[in-house]
Amino acid sequence: MRTRFKTFIFTALFFFINFIATGCSTIDKAGAIVPNFLEDMSFAYQQDIQQGNVITQSQINRLLPSMSKQQVRYLLGTPMLVDTFHQNRWDFIYYFKERRKDPIKRIFSVFFDDNKLIKLTGDYAPQDKDEATEIKKNELVVSVPDYIPPNRGFIIRLLAFMGIIIDES
């Protein structure tokens, strides 16, 4: 009976070590690695991954037809992808993967003809002027008062008077 118990413990320990050594993951029928329970635990750190060009709606709204390549590059930045065979197409790609969330992927393409902007495609689109002014109307302006330093205590004022410390107030 003791040998069976020892054999059971040894077998369970062997499978546990094998489970840990393989990375605690399994392979599904399609051959893709299925993440395991350790990936969702709080002690398994996953760094946020941000790559590509961050493009805002205000940048897209400032694009105008017949802008030169230099003007577009100044406005949007260097494109992530310029195809060697299609020099008249620039692709701005953005990818952001936050911990335990689905990744955000944005693609924005700019097309040129004779060094002039002719077409925009992708996940961003220019807004009408009415929509852009509507967004500006909803902006909130907050005025912040000037900083007033707090009153210093007796000891700080005494040490400052004696020249031991410099009182910033």
N, C-alpha and C. Protein backbone atom coordinates (compact mmCIF):
# COMPACT_ATOMS: atom_id res chain seq x y z
N MET A 1 0.82 -1.19 0.00
CA MET A 1 0.00 0.00 0.00
C MET A 1 0.87 1.25 0.00
N ARG A 2 1.96 1.24 0.79
CA ARG A 2 2.83 2.40 0.82
C ARG A 2 3.50 2.60 -0.51
N THR A 3 3.86 1.54 -1.19
CA THR A 3 4.51 1.69 -2.49
C THR A 3 3.55 2.28 -3.51
N ARG A 4 2.25 1.92 -3.43
CA ARG A 4 1.27 2.51 -4.35
C ARG A 4 1.13 4.01 -4.09
N PHE A 5 1.12 4.38 -2.81
CA PHE A 5 0.99 5.80 -2.47
C PHE A 5 2.22 6.56 -2.95
N LYS A 6 3.41 5.98 -2.75
CA LYS A 6 4.63 6.63 -3.21
C LYS A 6 4.63 6.73 -4.74
N THR A 7 4.17 5.68 -5.40
CA THR A 7 4.09 5.71 -6.86
C THR A 7 3.11 6.78 -7.32
N PHE A 8 1.99 6.90 -6.64
CA PHE A 8 1.01 7.92 -6.99
C PHE A 8 1.60 9.32 -6.81
N ILE A 9 2.26 9.55 -5.68
CA ILE A 9 2.87 10.86 -5.41
C ILE A 9 3.94 11.16 -6.46
N PHE A 10 4.78 10.16 -6.76
CA PHE A 10 5.84 10.36 -7.75
C PHE A 10 5.25 10.67 -9.13
N THR A 11 4.20 9.95 -9.52
CA THR A 11 3.56 10.18 -10.81
C THR A 11 2.92 11.57 -10.87
N ALA A 12 2.23 11.96 -9.80
CA ALA A 12 1.61 13.28 -9.76
C ALA A 12 2.68 14.37 -9.81
N LEU A 13 3.76 14.19 -9.10
CA LEU A 13 4.85 15.16 -9.12
C LEU A 13 5.48 15.24 -10.50
N PHE A 14 5.65 14.07 -11.15
CA PHE A 14 6.22 14.05 -12.49
C PHE A 14 5.34 14.83 -13.47
N PHE A 15 4.03 14.59 -13.43
CA PHE A 15 3.14 15.31 -14.34
C PHE A 15 3.07 16.81 -14.03
N PHE A 16 3.16 17.16 -12.76
CA PHE A 16 3.15 18.57 -12.38
C PHE A 16 4.41 19.28 -12.90
N ILE A 17 5.57 18.63 -12.74
CA ILE A 17 6.82 19.23 -13.23
C ILE A 17 6.79 19.32 -14.76
N ASN A 18 6.26 18.28 -15.40
CA ASN A 18 6.13 18.30 -16.86
C ASN A 18 5.19 19.42 -17.30
N PHE A 19 4.12 19.63 -16.56
CA PHE A 19 3.16 20.69 -16.85
C PHE A 19 3.82 22.07 -16.74
N ILE A 20 4.62 22.27 -15.71
CA ILE A 20 5.32 23.53 -15.50
C ILE A 20 6.40 23.72 -16.56
N ALA A 21 7.11 22.66 -16.90
CA ALA A 21 8.21 22.75 -17.86
C ALA A 21 7.73 23.08 -19.26
N THR A 22 6.53 22.67 -19.61
CA THR A 22 6.02 22.95 -20.95
C THR A 22 5.41 24.33 -21.06
N GLY A 23 5.48 25.12 -20.02
CA GLY A 23 4.96 26.48 -20.09
C GLY A 23 3.50 26.56 -19.73
N CYS A 24 2.93 25.53 -19.22
CA CYS A 24 1.54 25.52 -18.77
C CYS A 24 0.58 25.89 -19.88
N SER A 25 0.87 25.50 -21.10
CA SER A 25 -0.02 25.82 -22.20
C SER A 25 -0.36 24.55 -22.96
N THR A 26 -1.44 24.60 -23.67
CA THR A 26 -1.87 23.46 -24.46
C THR A 26 -2.00 23.88 -25.91
N ILE A 27 -2.07 22.91 -26.78
CA ILE A 27 -2.23 23.19 -28.20
C ILE A 27 -3.61 22.67 -28.61
N ASP A 28 -4.40 23.57 -29.24
CA ASP A 28 -5.73 23.16 -29.65
C ASP A 28 -5.66 22.42 -30.99
N LYS A 29 -6.82 22.04 -31.52
CA LYS A 29 -6.86 21.24 -32.74
C LYS A 29 -6.28 21.97 -33.94
N ALA A 30 -6.38 23.29 -33.98
CA ALA A 30 -5.87 24.05 -35.11
C ALA A 30 -4.36 24.24 -35.03
N GLY A 31 -3.75 23.87 -33.90
CA GLY A 31 -2.31 23.99 -33.77
C GLY A 31 -1.87 25.29 -33.12
N ALA A 32 -2.81 26.15 -32.75
CA ALA A 32 -2.46 27.40 -32.09
C ALA A 32 -2.29 27.17 -30.60
N ILE A 33 -1.41 27.93 -30.00
CA ILE A 33 -1.18 27.80 -28.57
C ILE A 33 -2.29 28.52 -27.82
N VAL A 34 -2.96 27.81 -26.94
CA VAL A 34 -4.03 28.36 -26.14
C VAL A 34 -3.44 28.88 -24.84
N PRO A 35 -3.65 30.16 -24.50
CA PRO A 35 -3.07 30.66 -23.27
C PRO A 35 -3.65 29.94 -22.06
N ASN A 36 -2.86 29.89 -21.03
CA ASN A 36 -3.25 29.14 -19.86
C ASN A 36 -3.73 30.05 -18.75
N PHE A 37 -4.00 29.47 -17.61
CA PHE A 37 -4.53 30.23 -16.49
C PHE A 37 -3.50 31.17 -15.90
N LEU A 38 -2.21 30.89 -16.04
CA LEU A 38 -1.18 31.75 -15.46
C LEU A 38 -1.12 33.12 -16.16
N GLU A 39 -1.51 33.16 -17.43
CA GLU A 39 -1.47 34.42 -18.16
C GLU A 39 -2.48 35.41 -17.61
N ASP A 40 -3.58 34.93 -17.06
CA ASP A 40 -4.60 35.82 -16.52
C ASP A 40 -4.37 36.15 -15.05
N MET A 41 -3.38 35.55 -14.43
CA MET A 41 -3.11 35.85 -13.03
C MET A 41 -2.44 37.21 -12.91
N SER A 42 -2.63 37.85 -11.78
CA SER A 42 -2.10 39.19 -11.59
C SER A 42 -0.58 39.22 -11.46
N PHE A 43 0.03 38.11 -11.05
CA PHE A 43 1.48 38.12 -10.87
C PHE A 43 2.24 37.91 -12.17
N ALA A 44 1.58 37.53 -13.24
CA ALA A 44 2.23 37.38 -14.53
C ALA A 44 2.15 38.72 -15.26
N TYR A 45 3.24 39.49 -15.25
CA TYR A 45 3.24 40.84 -15.81
C TYR A 45 3.28 40.80 -17.33
N GLN A 46 2.45 41.62 -17.93
CA GLN A 46 2.46 41.78 -19.37
C GLN A 46 2.61 43.26 -19.67
N GLN A 47 3.61 43.60 -20.43
CA GLN A 47 3.88 44.98 -20.75
C GLN A 47 2.96 45.45 -21.87
N ASP A 48 2.51 46.71 -21.78
CA ASP A 48 1.72 47.30 -22.85
C ASP A 48 2.62 47.51 -24.06
N ILE A 49 2.10 47.22 -25.25
CA ILE A 49 2.88 47.35 -26.47
C ILE A 49 2.21 48.41 -27.34
N GLN A 50 2.97 49.45 -27.66
CA GLN A 50 2.47 50.50 -28.54
C GLN A 50 3.47 50.68 -29.66
N GLN A 51 2.98 50.58 -30.90
CA GLN A 51 3.84 50.70 -32.06
C GLN A 51 3.14 51.52 -33.12
N GLY A 52 3.92 52.21 -33.92
CA GLY A 52 3.37 52.90 -35.07
C GLY A 52 3.14 54.38 -34.85
N ASN A 53 2.32 54.94 -35.72
CA ASN A 53 2.03 56.37 -35.74
C ASN A 53 0.73 56.65 -35.00
N VAL A 54 0.79 57.57 -34.05
CA VAL A 54 -0.42 58.02 -33.36
C VAL A 54 -0.97 59.18 -34.18
N ILE A 55 -2.15 58.99 -34.73
CA ILE A 55 -2.79 60.01 -35.56
C ILE A 55 -4.09 60.43 -34.89
N THR A 56 -4.28 61.73 -34.74
CA THR A 56 -5.49 62.25 -34.11
C THR A 56 -6.45 62.76 -35.18
N GLN A 57 -7.69 62.95 -34.76
CA GLN A 57 -8.71 63.43 -35.68
C GLN A 57 -8.42 64.86 -36.14
N SER A 58 -7.82 65.66 -35.29
CA SER A 58 -7.50 67.04 -35.70
C SER A 58 -6.43 67.05 -36.80
N GLN A 59 -5.50 66.10 -36.77
CA GLN A 59 -4.52 66.02 -37.85
C GLN A 59 -5.20 65.65 -39.16
N ILE A 60 -6.13 64.72 -39.11
CA ILE A 60 -6.84 64.30 -40.31
C ILE A 60 -7.67 65.46 -40.87
N ASN A 61 -8.29 66.23 -39.98
CA ASN A 61 -9.12 67.35 -40.43
C ASN A 61 -8.30 68.44 -41.12
N ARG A 62 -7.02 68.54 -40.81
CA ARG A 62 -6.19 69.57 -41.43
C ARG A 62 -5.62 69.15 -42.78
N LEU A 63 -5.81 67.89 -43.17
CA LEU A 63 -5.35 67.45 -44.49
C LEU A 63 -6.23 68.07 -45.57
N LEU A 64 -5.60 68.57 -46.61
CA LEU A 64 -6.33 69.19 -47.72
C LEU A 64 -5.90 68.53 -49.02
N PRO A 65 -6.81 68.47 -50.00
CA PRO A 65 -6.40 67.95 -51.31
C PRO A 65 -5.31 68.82 -51.91
N SER A 66 -4.47 68.22 -52.67
CA SER A 66 -3.35 68.86 -53.37
C SER A 66 -2.24 69.33 -52.42
N MET A 67 -2.18 68.78 -51.20
CA MET A 67 -1.03 69.05 -50.33
C MET A 67 0.16 68.25 -50.85
N SER A 68 1.35 68.78 -50.69
CA SER A 68 2.54 68.07 -51.14
C SER A 68 2.92 66.98 -50.14
N LYS A 69 3.84 66.12 -50.56
CA LYS A 69 4.30 65.04 -49.67
C LYS A 69 4.99 65.61 -48.44
N GLN A 70 5.73 66.68 -48.61
CA GLN A 70 6.42 67.31 -47.48
C GLN A 70 5.42 67.86 -46.47
N GLN A 71 4.35 68.46 -46.94
CA GLN A 71 3.34 69.01 -46.04
C GLN A 71 2.63 67.89 -45.27
N VAL A 72 2.32 66.79 -45.95
CA VAL A 72 1.66 65.65 -45.29
C VAL A 72 2.61 65.02 -44.27
N ARG A 73 3.88 64.90 -44.63
CA ARG A 73 4.86 64.34 -43.69
C ARG A 73 5.02 65.24 -42.47
N TYR A 74 4.98 66.55 -42.66
CA TYR A 74 5.07 67.47 -41.54
C TYR A 74 3.85 67.35 -40.63
N LEU A 75 2.70 67.13 -41.23
CA LEU A 75 1.45 67.07 -40.46
C LEU A 75 1.27 65.73 -39.75
N LEU A 76 1.53 64.63 -40.43
CA LEU A 76 1.27 63.29 -39.88
C LEU A 76 2.51 62.57 -39.36
N GLY A 77 3.68 63.02 -39.73
CA GLY A 77 4.90 62.34 -39.34
C GLY A 77 5.36 61.38 -40.44
N THR A 78 6.45 60.71 -40.17
CA THR A 78 7.00 59.76 -41.14
C THR A 78 6.10 58.53 -41.22
N PRO A 79 5.73 58.11 -42.42
CA PRO A 79 4.86 56.93 -42.53
C PRO A 79 5.56 55.67 -42.08
N MET A 80 4.77 54.75 -41.56
CA MET A 80 5.31 53.49 -41.07
C MET A 80 5.75 52.60 -42.24
N LEU A 81 5.04 52.71 -43.36
CA LEU A 81 5.33 51.84 -44.48
C LEU A 81 5.25 52.63 -45.78
N VAL A 82 6.34 52.63 -46.54
CA VAL A 82 6.37 53.18 -47.89
C VAL A 82 6.84 52.06 -48.79
N ASP A 83 5.94 51.60 -49.64
CA ASP A 83 6.25 50.48 -50.52
C ASP A 83 7.23 50.93 -51.60
N THR A 84 8.22 50.11 -51.87
CA THR A 84 9.22 50.43 -52.88
C THR A 84 8.60 50.50 -54.27
N PHE A 85 7.62 49.64 -54.51
CA PHE A 85 7.01 49.58 -55.83
C PHE A 85 5.85 50.57 -56.00
N HIS A 86 5.34 51.09 -54.89
CA HIS A 86 4.25 52.06 -54.95
C HIS A 86 4.63 53.27 -54.11
N GLN A 87 5.48 54.12 -54.67
CA GLN A 87 5.98 55.28 -53.94
C GLN A 87 4.89 56.32 -53.68
N ASN A 88 3.77 56.20 -54.37
CA ASN A 88 2.70 57.19 -54.21
C ASN A 88 1.70 56.79 -53.14
N ARG A 89 2.00 55.78 -52.37
CA ARG A 89 1.11 55.35 -51.28
C ARG A 89 1.90 55.28 -49.99
N TRP A 90 1.38 55.96 -48.99
CA TRP A 90 1.97 55.90 -47.65
C TRP A 90 0.98 55.27 -46.71
N ASP A 91 1.45 54.36 -45.87
CA ASP A 91 0.59 53.70 -44.88
C ASP A 91 1.05 54.08 -43.48
N PHE A 92 0.11 54.59 -42.70
CA PHE A 92 0.35 54.92 -41.30
C PHE A 92 -0.36 53.84 -40.48
N ILE A 93 0.40 53.05 -39.75
CA ILE A 93 -0.15 51.91 -39.02
C ILE A 93 0.06 52.15 -37.53
N TYR A 94 -0.98 51.87 -36.74
CA TYR A 94 -0.91 52.03 -35.29
C TYR A 94 -1.39 50.74 -34.65
N TYR A 95 -0.66 50.27 -33.64
CA TYR A 95 -1.00 49.04 -32.92
C TYR A 95 -0.78 49.29 -31.44
N PHE A 96 -1.79 48.97 -30.62
CA PHE A 96 -1.68 49.12 -29.17
C PHE A 96 -2.31 47.91 -28.51
N LYS A 97 -1.51 47.20 -27.73
CA LYS A 97 -1.98 46.03 -26.99
C LYS A 97 -1.81 46.31 -25.52
N GLU A 98 -2.96 46.46 -24.84
CA GLU A 98 -2.96 46.71 -23.42
C GLU A 98 -3.16 45.39 -22.70
N ARG A 99 -2.66 45.32 -21.50
CA ARG A 99 -2.71 44.10 -20.72
C ARG A 99 -4.13 43.57 -20.59
N ARG A 100 -4.32 42.33 -20.96
CA ARG A 100 -5.59 41.60 -20.85
C ARG A 100 -6.73 42.26 -21.63
N LYS A 101 -6.43 43.00 -22.67
CA LYS A 101 -7.47 43.59 -23.51
C LYS A 101 -7.16 43.27 -24.96
N ASP A 102 -8.18 43.38 -25.79
CA ASP A 102 -7.98 43.15 -27.21
C ASP A 102 -7.12 44.26 -27.80
N PRO A 103 -6.26 43.94 -28.77
CA PRO A 103 -5.41 44.98 -29.35
C PRO A 103 -6.22 45.96 -30.20
N ILE A 104 -5.70 47.18 -30.28
CA ILE A 104 -6.28 48.22 -31.12
C ILE A 104 -5.39 48.35 -32.34
N LYS A 105 -5.98 48.22 -33.53
CA LYS A 105 -5.23 48.32 -34.78
C LYS A 105 -5.88 49.39 -35.64
N ARG A 106 -5.10 50.34 -36.11
CA ARG A 106 -5.60 51.39 -36.99
C ARG A 106 -4.67 51.49 -38.20
N ILE A 107 -5.26 51.56 -39.38
CA ILE A 107 -4.50 51.72 -40.61
C ILE A 107 -5.07 52.92 -41.35
N PHE A 108 -4.18 53.78 -41.79
CA PHE A 108 -4.58 54.97 -42.54
C PHE A 108 -3.63 55.10 -43.72
N SER A 109 -4.19 55.18 -44.92
CA SER A 109 -3.38 55.25 -46.14
C SER A 109 -3.60 56.58 -46.83
N VAL A 110 -2.53 57.11 -47.38
CA VAL A 110 -2.55 58.38 -48.10
C VAL A 110 -2.01 58.13 -49.50
N PHE A 111 -2.72 58.61 -50.51
CA PHE A 111 -2.32 58.39 -51.89
C PHE A 111 -1.96 59.72 -52.55
N PHE A 112 -0.92 59.70 -53.37
CA PHE A 112 -0.44 60.89 -54.06
C PHE A 112 -0.46 60.65 -55.56
N ASP A 113 -0.58 61.74 -56.30
CA ASP A 113 -0.43 61.71 -57.74
C ASP A 113 0.34 62.97 -58.13
N ASP A 114 1.49 62.79 -58.73
CA ASP A 114 2.34 63.91 -59.12
C ASP A 114 2.69 64.77 -57.90
N ASN A 115 3.06 64.11 -56.80
CA ASN A 115 3.47 64.76 -55.55
C ASN A 115 2.36 65.59 -54.90
N LYS A 116 1.10 65.28 -55.21
CA LYS A 116 -0.04 65.98 -54.61
C LYS A 116 -0.99 64.96 -53.99
N LEU A 117 -1.54 65.30 -52.83
CA LEU A 117 -2.47 64.43 -52.12
C LEU A 117 -3.77 64.32 -52.91
N ILE A 118 -4.21 63.07 -53.17
CA ILE A 118 -5.46 62.89 -53.93
C ILE A 118 -6.50 62.07 -53.17
N LYS A 119 -6.07 61.15 -52.29
CA LYS A 119 -7.05 60.24 -51.69
C LYS A 119 -6.61 59.81 -50.31
N LEU A 120 -7.60 59.62 -49.40
CA LEU A 120 -7.38 59.13 -48.05
C LEU A 120 -8.25 57.89 -47.84
N THR A 121 -7.68 56.83 -47.29
CA THR A 121 -8.47 55.65 -46.96
C THR A 121 -8.03 55.11 -45.61
N GLY A 122 -8.88 54.30 -45.00
CA GLY A 122 -8.50 53.65 -43.77
C GLY A 122 -9.51 53.86 -42.66
N ASP A 123 -9.02 53.74 -41.43
CA ASP A 123 -9.87 53.80 -40.25
C ASP A 123 -10.23 55.23 -39.84
N TYR A 124 -9.58 56.21 -40.42
CA TYR A 124 -9.87 57.61 -40.11
C TYR A 124 -10.50 58.27 -41.33
N ALA A 125 -11.33 59.27 -41.08
CA ALA A 125 -11.93 60.04 -42.16
C ALA A 125 -12.04 61.49 -41.72
N PRO A 126 -11.86 62.44 -42.63
CA PRO A 126 -12.00 63.84 -42.24
C PRO A 126 -13.44 64.14 -41.85
N GLN A 127 -13.62 64.99 -40.86
CA GLN A 127 -14.95 65.39 -40.42
C GLN A 127 -15.41 66.61 -41.21
N ASP A 128 -16.73 66.77 -41.24
CA ASP A 128 -17.26 68.00 -41.82
C ASP A 128 -16.89 69.16 -40.91
N LYS A 129 -16.91 70.36 -41.46
CA LYS A 129 -16.57 71.54 -40.65
C LYS A 129 -17.58 71.76 -39.54
N ASP A 130 -18.85 71.39 -39.78
CA ASP A 130 -19.86 71.54 -38.74
C ASP A 130 -19.56 70.64 -37.54
N GLU A 131 -19.14 69.39 -37.81
CA GLU A 131 -18.81 68.47 -36.73
C GLU A 131 -17.58 68.95 -35.97
N ALA A 132 -16.58 69.48 -36.68
CA ALA A 132 -15.37 69.95 -36.02
C ALA A 132 -15.65 71.15 -35.13
N THR A 133 -16.51 72.06 -35.59
CA THR A 133 -16.85 73.22 -34.75
C THR A 133 -17.72 72.79 -33.58
N GLU A 134 -18.53 71.75 -33.76
CA GLU A 134 -19.36 71.24 -32.67
C GLU A 134 -18.48 70.69 -31.55
N ILE A 135 -17.39 70.03 -31.92
CA ILE A 135 -16.47 69.49 -30.92
C ILE A 135 -15.80 70.64 -30.17
N LYS A 136 -15.42 71.70 -30.89
CA LYS A 136 -14.78 72.84 -30.23
C LYS A 136 -15.74 73.55 -29.30
N LYS A 137 -17.02 73.59 -29.64
CA LYS A 137 -18.00 74.26 -28.78
C LYS A 137 -18.14 73.53 -27.44
N ASN A 138 -17.95 72.22 -27.45
CA ASN A 138 -18.11 71.43 -26.24
C ASN A 138 -16.86 71.42 -25.35
N GLU A 139 -15.80 72.10 -25.78
CA GLU A 139 -14.59 72.13 -24.97
C GLU A 139 -14.83 72.96 -23.71
N LEU A 140 -14.22 72.56 -22.64
CA LEU A 140 -14.37 73.23 -21.35
C LEU A 140 -13.07 73.94 -21.00
N VAL A 141 -13.16 75.22 -20.69
CA VAL A 141 -11.99 76.00 -20.32
C VAL A 141 -12.03 76.19 -18.81
N VAL A 142 -10.93 75.83 -18.16
CA VAL A 142 -10.85 75.92 -16.71
C VAL A 142 -9.73 76.90 -16.38
N SER A 143 -10.03 77.88 -15.54
CA SER A 143 -8.98 78.79 -15.09
C SER A 143 -8.45 78.30 -13.75
N VAL A 144 -7.14 78.29 -13.65
CA VAL A 144 -6.48 77.80 -12.44
C VAL A 144 -5.84 79.00 -11.75
N PRO A 145 -6.12 79.19 -10.44
CA PRO A 145 -5.52 80.34 -9.75
C PRO A 145 -4.02 80.16 -9.59
N ASP A 146 -3.33 81.28 -9.39
CA ASP A 146 -1.88 81.24 -9.17
C ASP A 146 -1.56 80.51 -7.87
N TYR A 147 -0.38 79.95 -7.84
CA TYR A 147 0.06 79.19 -6.66
C TYR A 147 0.42 80.16 -5.54
N ILE A 148 -0.14 79.93 -4.39
CA ILE A 148 0.19 80.70 -3.20
C ILE A 148 0.88 79.75 -2.23
N PRO A 149 2.14 80.03 -1.91
CA PRO A 149 2.84 79.11 -1.03
C PRO A 149 2.23 79.12 0.36
N PRO A 150 2.27 77.98 1.04
CA PRO A 150 1.69 77.91 2.38
C PRO A 150 2.52 78.72 3.38
N ASN A 151 1.87 79.11 4.47
CA ASN A 151 2.58 79.81 5.53
C ASN A 151 3.58 78.86 6.18
N ARG A 152 4.79 79.37 6.39
CA ARG A 152 5.83 78.56 7.00
C ARG A 152 5.69 78.62 8.52
N GLY A 153 6.13 77.58 9.15
CA GLY A 153 6.06 77.51 10.61
C GLY A 153 7.12 78.40 11.26
N PHE A 154 7.04 78.50 12.57
CA PHE A 154 7.93 79.36 13.34
C PHE A 154 9.39 78.95 13.19
N ILE A 155 9.67 77.65 13.25
CA ILE A 155 11.06 77.17 13.20
C ILE A 155 11.67 77.44 11.83
N ILE A 156 10.90 77.20 10.76
CA ILE A 156 11.41 77.44 9.41
C ILE A 156 11.71 78.93 9.24
N ARG A 157 10.81 79.79 9.72
CA ARG A 157 11.05 81.23 9.60
C ARG A 157 12.27 81.66 10.43
N LEU A 158 12.44 81.05 11.61
CA LEU A 158 13.58 81.40 12.47
C LEU A 158 14.89 80.96 11.81
N LEU A 159 14.93 79.72 11.26
CA LEU A 159 16.13 79.24 10.58
C LEU A 159 16.44 80.07 9.34
N ALA A 160 15.41 80.51 8.64
CA ALA A 160 15.61 81.36 7.46
C ALA A 160 16.12 82.73 7.89
N PHE A 161 15.64 83.25 9.01
CA PHE A 161 16.09 84.55 9.52
C PHE A 161 17.57 84.49 9.92
N MET A 162 17.98 83.35 10.48
CA MET A 162 19.36 83.19 10.90
C MET A 162 20.27 82.85 9.72
N GLY A 163 19.69 82.56 8.56
CA GLY A 163 20.50 82.26 7.37
C GLY A 163 20.92 80.83 7.27
N ILE A 164 20.38 79.95 8.08
CA ILE A 164 20.75 78.54 8.04
C ILE A 164 20.14 77.84 6.82
N ILE A 165 18.89 78.18 6.55
CA ILE A 165 18.22 77.63 5.37
C ILE A 165 17.72 78.78 4.52
N ILE A 166 17.44 78.49 3.27
CA ILE A 166 16.89 79.49 2.37
C ILE A 166 15.41 79.24 2.27
N ASP A 167 14.62 80.22 2.66
CA ASP A 167 13.17 80.10 2.61
C ASP A 167 12.70 80.50 1.22
N GLU A 168 12.05 79.58 0.52
CA GLU A 168 11.63 79.80 -0.87
C GLU A 168 10.42 80.72 -0.97
N SER A 169 9.69 80.96 0.12
CA SER A 169 8.45 81.74 0.01
C SER A 169 8.69 83.23 0.09
